[in-house]
Structures are given as C-alpha cells and as structure tokens.
Amino acid sequence: MKLNHTISHAPAIARLVGVQDRNLLVFKQYLGCRVDIRGSEIHTDAPEEMLSLLEAVFHVLIELAESKVQLSERDIMYVIKLAERNQLEGVLELYRNRNRILINDFGKAIYPKTFNQKRYIEAISHYDLTFGVGPAGTGKTYLAVAMAVAALKSNKTKKLILTRPVVEAGESLGFLPGDLKEKIDPYLVPLYDALYEMMGTESTNALLEKKVIEIAPLAYMRGRTLENAFVILDEAQNTTEAQMKMFLTRLGFASKMVITGDPSQTDLRGSVPALRQVLAILQDMDDVGFVTFGKIDVIRHPLVQRILERYEKHES
C-alpha cells in the first residue's frame, strides 16, 4: 500500500532512510510492518488501522529530512512513540532549533533528542542545582557529562567532579583485588566511559592526572567546599539521607551541581533512600531545577523495548 506522502529529493531520502536503510528497519522491529521507499513513493504492508499513524510519522520525518536534519534510529523511534501518544506538536521545532552541546571525540554532535532532554539542558544552564530523575536510558548522566565537558572547554568552569555512591547492585562482589582506587573504579566505569567518548582517552587521562577532572566515590566529598566546579552526583537513588545532605552542602560559589537518579530503583539495604525525600523537601524552591523523565524518553533497541513490555506484563 502506498502512503500519501512523497519524497523526491535524493539527499533528503538518504537522511530519512539512514545508513543501509536502518531507519526503515525500525518500523519492522517496533511496529511489525515493512516500509520501503521506491523512487519518490513510500510503500508499506501495514494493516489499514496503522496507516493514519504512519501518515503522521512520515509527515514529520519528511519535513525533518528536507530541513537537512540527519535522522537516526533513535529519532525514528522517538517520533513513532510521540505519534502513538498524539504528542507530535512541537517536534519539528525541537529538531530544527536544537542547540548543539558539543562535538565528541568521534566528531559526532551531541544534541538533546527529546522534549525532556531539552528541558534538562535548559535547566542545567539556568540553575546552579538541577535534579534529573527518571528511568535508566533517558540520557540523564550522559547529557550532564556533556554539559560539564562543554563548560570546561569554554572555560566556564575550572574543574569537573563526577561522583556516585559505591553500592553493590544486587549482588555481592566479595573482596576485590588491588589498591583502593582499583577497588572503587569498577563502580565508576559509566562515568569514565562518558568522559572517554566526549574527550577521548588521552585527553581525559591527562586531565585526571592534573586533577582538573576528578572521579570519586561520594564519601570523598565530605568536608570539602566545591567552588568553580561542575559537580555531578550520579545514581543518587543509592544515597542515604546523611550523604545527600552532606553532598548538597558542598556547593560553593561559581559552581553547578547536577543530581541524577531513579527514585524507583535503589540498591540500598536497610537505609532510607534520600532521593525521593530530597525531591519532596526542595520541590517548591524556585531557584532549583527539576526535570522528570518518563518512559517515552527511553529510546532503546526495539527488541529491548518489547522485552521490557513483556516483563512489565508478566510482573503485573
């Protein structure tokens, strides 16, 4: 069956279909229907009840492709999810007017990709203290690190401090070999990974040696005042009340703090998770930023999406 929309501009078609037509494969993986572009026409084997959804999706995708927006599989997934919820209003402006955060070490531009990611970036820019809360896979930590690196590169901050509580995630690792750094580093790998992608391994390691970048467990923050620094507390759902209060009171002049976590997921045993509590305590402060991510911001491989849906169905 042929859709009403057509696309005849060759570069726009290339931006729409992606590398080796992988963008079109998303429709098969997620919606279960095949989509092909033949010349200027868009064909599909989708059932009739799905056609209005596809028409809405391709109206947006063609506009973006013809506006020279390079589309990825993540973008296709997000537009489909918005269309499923009848929330496509404003999505063209989101993609056309998105501000680049920085170019990573692989030459890839990093942008906010969802409405909530855009709000998150704006909150970090505006507030000295920002909370980004929601499920894993929403870009909370990744975008916070990107903003921190951008601030460092533009000399808006003199130091990057990335920290997280050292808590085992549901399994006992026993006694790890090596010195204290070697014992702690496995817990901090996601922060290292993000920095290596943003700045490259060599540059990151050089700045770590100079103490311009510091990656440390949360306990190391006690007794310090963090000035002229961009500070990120990751996995904040694993902090205790005492740890959260200690961390928040480290904020110094000319500094920014970003706190990320998912209040519904904690690995603490026998302690009250502090993230949900602190959100309630500070919720009416107009000089603190709060951004809540939802399931629509979780852009994973379509197969992972379906697996999670099966688990949710099973658990309910």
Protein backbone atom coordinates (compact mmCIF):
# COMPACT_ATOMS: atom_id res chain seq x y z
CA MET A 1 0.00 0.00 0.00
CA LYS A 2 1.23 3.49 -0.85
CA LEU A 3 1.21 6.33 1.68
CA ASN A 4 0.02 9.80 0.69
CA HIS A 5 3.40 11.42 1.34
CA THR A 6 6.18 11.52 -1.26
CA ILE A 7 9.85 12.43 -1.04
CA SER A 8 11.87 13.07 -4.19
CA HIS A 9 14.95 14.99 -3.02
CA ALA A 10 17.81 12.43 -3.03
CA PRO A 11 19.80 13.87 -0.07
CA ALA A 12 16.57 14.04 1.96
CA ILE A 13 15.84 10.40 1.16
CA ALA A 14 19.33 9.46 2.35
CA ARG A 15 18.81 11.37 5.62
CA LEU A 16 15.44 9.69 6.09
CA VAL A 17 16.41 6.06 5.44
CA GLY A 18 19.75 6.21 7.27
CA VAL A 19 22.83 4.05 6.79
CA GLN A 20 21.92 0.86 4.88
CA ASP A 21 18.21 1.71 5.33
CA ARG A 22 18.47 1.01 9.07
CA ASN A 23 15.96 3.75 9.91
CA LEU A 24 13.28 1.96 7.90
CA LEU A 25 14.08 -1.30 9.68
CA VAL A 26 12.82 0.29 12.92
CA PHE A 27 9.25 0.11 11.57
CA LYS A 28 9.57 -3.65 11.12
CA GLN A 29 11.23 -4.18 14.50
CA TYR A 30 8.91 -1.94 16.51
CA LEU A 31 5.59 -1.82 14.64
CA GLY A 32 5.84 -5.13 12.80
CA CYS A 33 5.29 -3.60 9.34
CA ARG A 34 7.63 -3.15 6.40
CA VAL A 35 8.24 0.31 4.94
CA ASP A 36 10.02 0.86 1.60
CA ILE A 37 10.83 3.95 -0.43
CA ARG A 38 10.55 3.36 -4.19
CA GLY A 39 11.56 6.40 -6.16
CA SER A 40 9.57 9.20 -4.55
CA GLU A 41 6.85 6.94 -3.11
CA ILE A 42 6.55 5.35 0.33
CA HIS A 43 5.08 1.84 0.42
CA THR A 44 4.09 -0.31 3.37
CA ASP A 45 2.44 -3.63 4.17
CA ALA A 46 0.95 -2.19 7.37
CA PRO A 47 -2.68 -3.03 8.21
CA GLU A 48 -5.24 -0.34 7.44
CA GLU A 49 -5.68 0.63 11.11
CA MET A 50 -1.99 1.61 11.29
CA LEU A 51 -1.96 3.84 8.22
CA SER A 52 -3.02 7.04 9.98
CA LEU A 53 -0.14 6.57 12.45
CA LEU A 54 2.35 6.08 9.61
CA GLU A 55 0.99 9.10 7.74
CA ALA A 56 1.54 11.25 10.85
CA VAL A 57 5.04 9.84 11.40
CA PHE A 58 6.17 10.39 7.81
CA HIS A 59 4.74 13.89 7.71
CA VAL A 60 7.21 14.78 10.46
CA LEU A 61 10.13 12.67 9.18
CA ILE A 62 9.96 14.07 5.64
CA GLU A 63 9.80 17.65 6.96
CA LEU A 64 12.87 16.99 9.08
CA ALA A 65 14.81 15.25 6.31
CA GLU A 66 14.06 18.09 3.89
CA SER A 67 15.18 20.56 6.59
CA LYS A 68 18.60 18.84 6.49
CA VAL A 69 18.19 17.09 9.85
CA GLN A 70 20.20 13.85 9.84
CA LEU A 71 17.87 11.25 11.34
CA SER A 72 18.98 8.24 13.40
CA GLU A 73 17.18 5.09 14.54
CA ARG A 74 16.68 6.77 17.93
CA ASP A 75 14.95 9.71 16.22
CA ILE A 76 12.63 7.40 14.26
CA MET A 77 11.70 5.56 17.48
CA TYR A 78 11.00 8.80 19.33
CA VAL A 79 8.78 10.22 16.57
CA ILE A 80 6.81 6.94 16.42
CA LYS A 81 6.36 7.00 20.21
CA LEU A 82 5.15 10.61 20.10
CA ALA A 83 2.72 9.75 17.30
CA GLU A 84 1.35 6.82 19.31
CA ARG A 85 0.56 9.29 22.10
CA ASN A 86 -0.72 12.06 19.79
CA GLN A 87 2.09 14.30 21.06
CA LEU A 88 3.75 15.35 17.78
CA GLU A 89 3.02 19.04 18.28
CA GLY A 90 6.27 20.97 18.54
CA VAL A 91 8.53 18.10 17.44
CA LEU A 92 9.59 19.89 14.24
CA GLU A 93 10.75 22.89 16.27
CA LEU A 94 12.51 20.57 18.73
CA TYR A 95 14.71 19.12 15.99
CA ARG A 96 15.15 22.21 13.86
CA ASN A 97 16.10 24.54 16.71
CA ARG A 98 18.06 22.22 18.98
CA ASN A 99 21.30 23.69 20.25
CA ARG A 100 24.43 21.60 19.97
CA ILE A 101 26.08 20.88 23.30
CA LEU A 102 29.47 19.86 21.91
CA ILE A 103 31.28 17.70 19.35
CA ASN A 104 32.55 14.48 20.95
CA ASP A 105 35.90 12.81 20.33
CA PHE A 106 34.48 10.88 17.36
CA GLY A 107 33.34 14.07 15.63
CA LYS A 108 29.68 13.43 16.49
CA ALA A 109 27.50 16.36 17.53
CA ILE A 110 25.62 15.88 20.81
CA TYR A 111 22.14 17.38 20.97
CA PRO A 112 19.13 16.95 23.24
CA LYS A 113 16.90 14.46 21.44
CA THR A 114 13.61 14.60 23.35
CA PHE A 115 11.45 17.34 24.83
CA ASN A 116 12.52 16.40 28.36
CA GLN A 117 16.19 16.30 27.36
CA LYS A 118 15.79 19.84 26.01
CA ARG A 119 14.19 20.95 29.31
CA TYR A 120 17.04 19.24 31.18
CA ILE A 121 19.75 21.08 29.23
CA GLU A 122 17.94 24.39 29.73
CA ALA A 123 17.61 23.72 33.48
CA ILE A 124 21.31 22.89 33.84
CA SER A 125 22.18 26.10 32.00
CA HIS A 126 19.86 28.20 34.16
CA TYR A 127 20.14 26.76 37.68
CA ASP A 128 23.10 26.13 39.98
CA LEU A 129 21.38 22.96 41.26
CA THR A 130 19.42 20.66 38.95
CA PHE A 131 17.77 17.29 39.57
CA GLY A 132 17.29 14.93 36.63
CA VAL A 133 15.17 11.96 37.70
CA GLY A 134 13.63 9.08 35.79
CA PRO A 135 14.31 5.61 34.40
CA ALA A 136 17.61 4.36 33.02
CA GLY A 137 18.33 5.04 29.37
CA THR A 138 16.96 8.59 29.31
CA GLY A 139 20.35 10.32 28.96
CA LYS A 140 20.43 11.90 32.41
CA THR A 141 24.09 11.16 33.15
CA TYR A 142 25.30 11.34 29.54
CA LEU A 143 23.88 14.82 28.95
CA ALA A 144 25.07 16.08 32.33
CA VAL A 145 28.61 14.96 31.47
CA ALA A 146 28.30 16.60 28.04
CA MET A 147 27.26 19.88 29.65
CA ALA A 148 30.13 19.60 32.14
CA VAL A 149 32.71 18.97 29.40
CA ALA A 150 31.29 21.86 27.34
CA ALA A 151 31.60 24.14 30.37
CA LEU A 152 35.21 23.05 30.88
CA LYS A 153 36.13 23.55 27.23
CA SER A 154 34.60 27.03 27.18
CA ASN A 155 36.37 27.98 30.45
CA LYS A 156 33.06 28.45 32.28
CA THR A 157 34.33 26.12 34.99
CA LYS A 158 37.78 25.15 36.24
CA LYS A 159 37.08 21.65 37.49
CA LEU A 160 34.83 18.66 36.79
CA ILE A 161 33.85 16.42 39.68
CA LEU A 162 31.87 13.27 38.97
CA THR A 163 30.77 11.15 41.89
CA ARG A 164 28.42 8.34 42.79
CA PRO A 165 27.76 6.22 45.89
CA VAL A 166 29.63 2.92 45.94
CA VAL A 167 26.82 0.40 46.38
CA GLU A 168 26.71 -3.14 45.00
CA ALA A 169 23.84 -3.59 42.56
CA GLY A 170 22.02 -6.61 43.91
CA GLU A 171 24.97 -8.99 44.08
CA SER A 172 27.94 -9.40 46.36
CA LEU A 173 31.28 -8.86 44.64
CA GLY A 174 33.32 -10.01 47.62
CA PHE A 175 36.82 -8.68 48.16
CA LEU A 176 38.18 -7.04 45.05
CA PRO A 177 41.95 -7.16 44.44
CA GLY A 178 44.25 -4.13 44.23
CA ASP A 179 44.61 -0.80 45.98
CA LEU A 180 41.71 1.46 46.98
CA LYS A 181 41.45 3.09 43.54
CA GLU A 182 41.36 -0.30 41.81
CA LYS A 183 38.63 -1.48 44.19
CA ILE A 184 36.45 1.58 43.58
CA ASP A 185 36.97 2.15 39.83
CA PRO A 186 34.58 -0.64 38.69
CA TYR A 187 31.70 1.28 40.28
CA LEU A 188 32.69 4.43 38.38
CA VAL A 189 33.09 2.87 34.91
CA PRO A 190 29.97 4.57 33.42
CA LEU A 191 31.43 7.98 34.28
CA TYR A 192 34.79 7.11 32.73
CA ASP A 193 33.04 5.79 29.61
CA ALA A 194 31.07 9.02 29.13
CA LEU A 195 34.21 11.16 29.52
CA TYR A 196 36.24 8.99 27.14
CA GLU A 197 33.53 9.39 24.50
CA MET A 198 33.32 13.16 24.98
CA MET A 199 37.02 13.98 25.20
CA GLY A 200 39.00 10.93 24.17
CA THR A 201 41.02 8.60 26.40
CA GLU A 202 44.28 10.52 26.18
CA SER A 203 42.82 13.95 26.98
CA THR A 204 40.65 12.56 29.78
CA ASN A 205 43.55 10.75 31.44
CA ALA A 206 45.75 13.86 31.18
CA LEU A 207 43.10 15.99 32.91
CA LEU A 208 42.57 13.28 35.53
CA GLU A 209 46.30 13.38 36.31
CA LYS A 210 46.18 17.17 36.63
CA LYS A 211 43.11 16.89 38.93
CA VAL A 212 41.11 19.08 36.54
CA ILE A 213 38.72 16.13 36.32
CA GLU A 214 38.01 14.14 39.44
CA ILE A 215 36.01 10.91 39.53
CA ALA A 216 35.48 9.72 43.08
CA PRO A 217 33.04 7.92 45.34
CA LEU A 218 30.57 10.08 47.21
CA ALA A 219 32.29 9.51 50.56
CA TYR A 220 35.28 11.51 49.26
CA MET A 221 33.15 14.67 49.10
CA ARG A 222 32.85 15.02 52.88
CA GLY A 223 34.47 18.10 54.39
CA ARG A 224 35.00 19.89 51.06
CA THR A 225 33.61 23.09 49.58
CA LEU A 226 33.41 22.77 45.80
CA GLU A 227 33.97 26.15 44.16
CA ASN A 228 34.42 26.96 40.45
CA ALA A 229 33.40 23.38 39.74
CA PHE A 230 30.80 21.45 37.75
CA VAL A 231 29.73 18.60 40.03
CA ILE A 232 27.61 15.59 39.02
CA LEU A 233 26.16 13.12 41.52
CA ASP A 234 25.09 10.01 39.61
CA GLU A 235 22.91 7.12 40.89
CA ALA A 236 21.56 9.39 43.64
CA GLN A 237 18.84 6.85 44.48
CA ASN A 238 21.59 4.95 46.33
CA THR A 239 22.44 7.80 48.72
CA THR A 240 21.33 7.90 52.33
CA GLU A 241 19.76 10.98 53.94
CA ALA A 242 23.07 11.90 55.60
CA GLN A 243 25.01 11.52 52.34
CA MET A 244 22.54 13.64 50.36
CA LYS A 245 22.59 16.44 52.94
CA MET A 246 26.39 16.31 53.05
CA PHE A 247 26.64 16.49 49.26
CA LEU A 248 24.19 19.37 48.82
CA THR A 249 26.04 21.46 51.38
CA ARG A 250 29.30 21.13 49.42
CA LEU A 251 28.03 23.60 46.80
CA GLY A 252 30.36 26.58 46.56
CA PHE A 253 30.37 29.86 44.64
CA ALA A 254 30.58 29.77 40.82
CA SER A 255 29.66 26.09 40.82
CA LYS A 256 26.93 23.95 39.35
CA MET A 257 25.55 20.68 40.69
CA VAL A 258 23.55 18.10 38.77
CA ILE A 259 21.97 15.19 40.65
CA THR A 260 20.68 12.22 38.64
CA GLY A 261 18.86 9.08 39.64
CA ASP A 262 15.76 6.92 39.50
CA PRO A 263 13.79 7.05 42.77
CA SER A 264 12.06 3.75 41.92
CA GLN A 265 15.33 1.79 41.72
CA THR A 266 17.63 1.58 44.74
CA ASP A 267 20.29 -0.90 45.81
CA LEU A 268 20.34 0.33 49.42
CA ARG A 269 19.63 -2.26 52.07
CA GLY A 270 18.20 -1.19 55.40
CA SER A 271 18.54 2.55 54.73
CA VAL A 272 16.01 5.13 53.62
CA PRO A 273 16.77 6.30 50.03
CA ALA A 274 17.34 10.03 50.13
CA LEU A 275 16.49 11.00 46.53
CA ARG A 276 12.72 10.76 46.87
CA GLN A 277 12.95 12.58 50.22
CA VAL A 278 15.06 15.47 48.95
CA LEU A 279 12.76 15.99 45.97
CA ALA A 280 9.86 16.45 48.38
CA ILE A 281 11.86 18.76 50.65
CA LEU A 282 13.08 21.08 47.87
CA GLN A 283 10.18 20.85 45.41
CA ASP A 284 8.89 24.40 45.95
CA MET A 285 12.27 26.13 45.65
CA ASP A 286 12.17 28.30 42.54
CA ASP A 287 15.97 28.51 42.25
CA VAL A 288 16.40 24.74 41.86
CA GLY A 289 15.75 22.93 38.58
CA PHE A 290 13.68 19.74 38.45
CA VAL A 291 13.27 17.63 35.30
CA THR A 292 11.41 14.33 35.36
CA PHE A 293 11.97 11.86 32.53
CA GLY A 294 9.42 9.24 31.52
CA LYS A 295 9.25 6.03 29.53
CA ILE A 296 8.88 7.98 26.30
CA ASP A 297 12.44 9.31 26.81
CA VAL A 298 13.84 5.77 26.98
CA ILE A 299 14.96 5.14 23.41
CA ARG A 300 16.33 1.62 23.23
CA HIS A 301 16.65 -1.00 20.51
CA PRO A 302 13.09 -2.05 19.53
CA LEU A 303 13.75 -5.62 20.68
CA VAL A 304 14.75 -4.36 24.14
CA GLN A 305 11.58 -2.28 24.18
CA ARG A 306 9.44 -5.35 23.51
CA ILE A 307 11.32 -7.44 26.08
CA LEU A 308 10.66 -4.79 28.76
CA GLU A 309 6.99 -4.66 27.80
CA ARG A 310 6.76 -8.45 28.20
CA TYR A 311 8.39 -8.24 31.64
CA GLU A 312 6.02 -5.47 32.71
CA LYS A 313 3.05 -7.54 31.53
CA HIS A 314 4.36 -10.60 33.37
CA GLU A 315 5.00 -8.69 36.60
CA SER A 316 1.57 -7.06 36.57
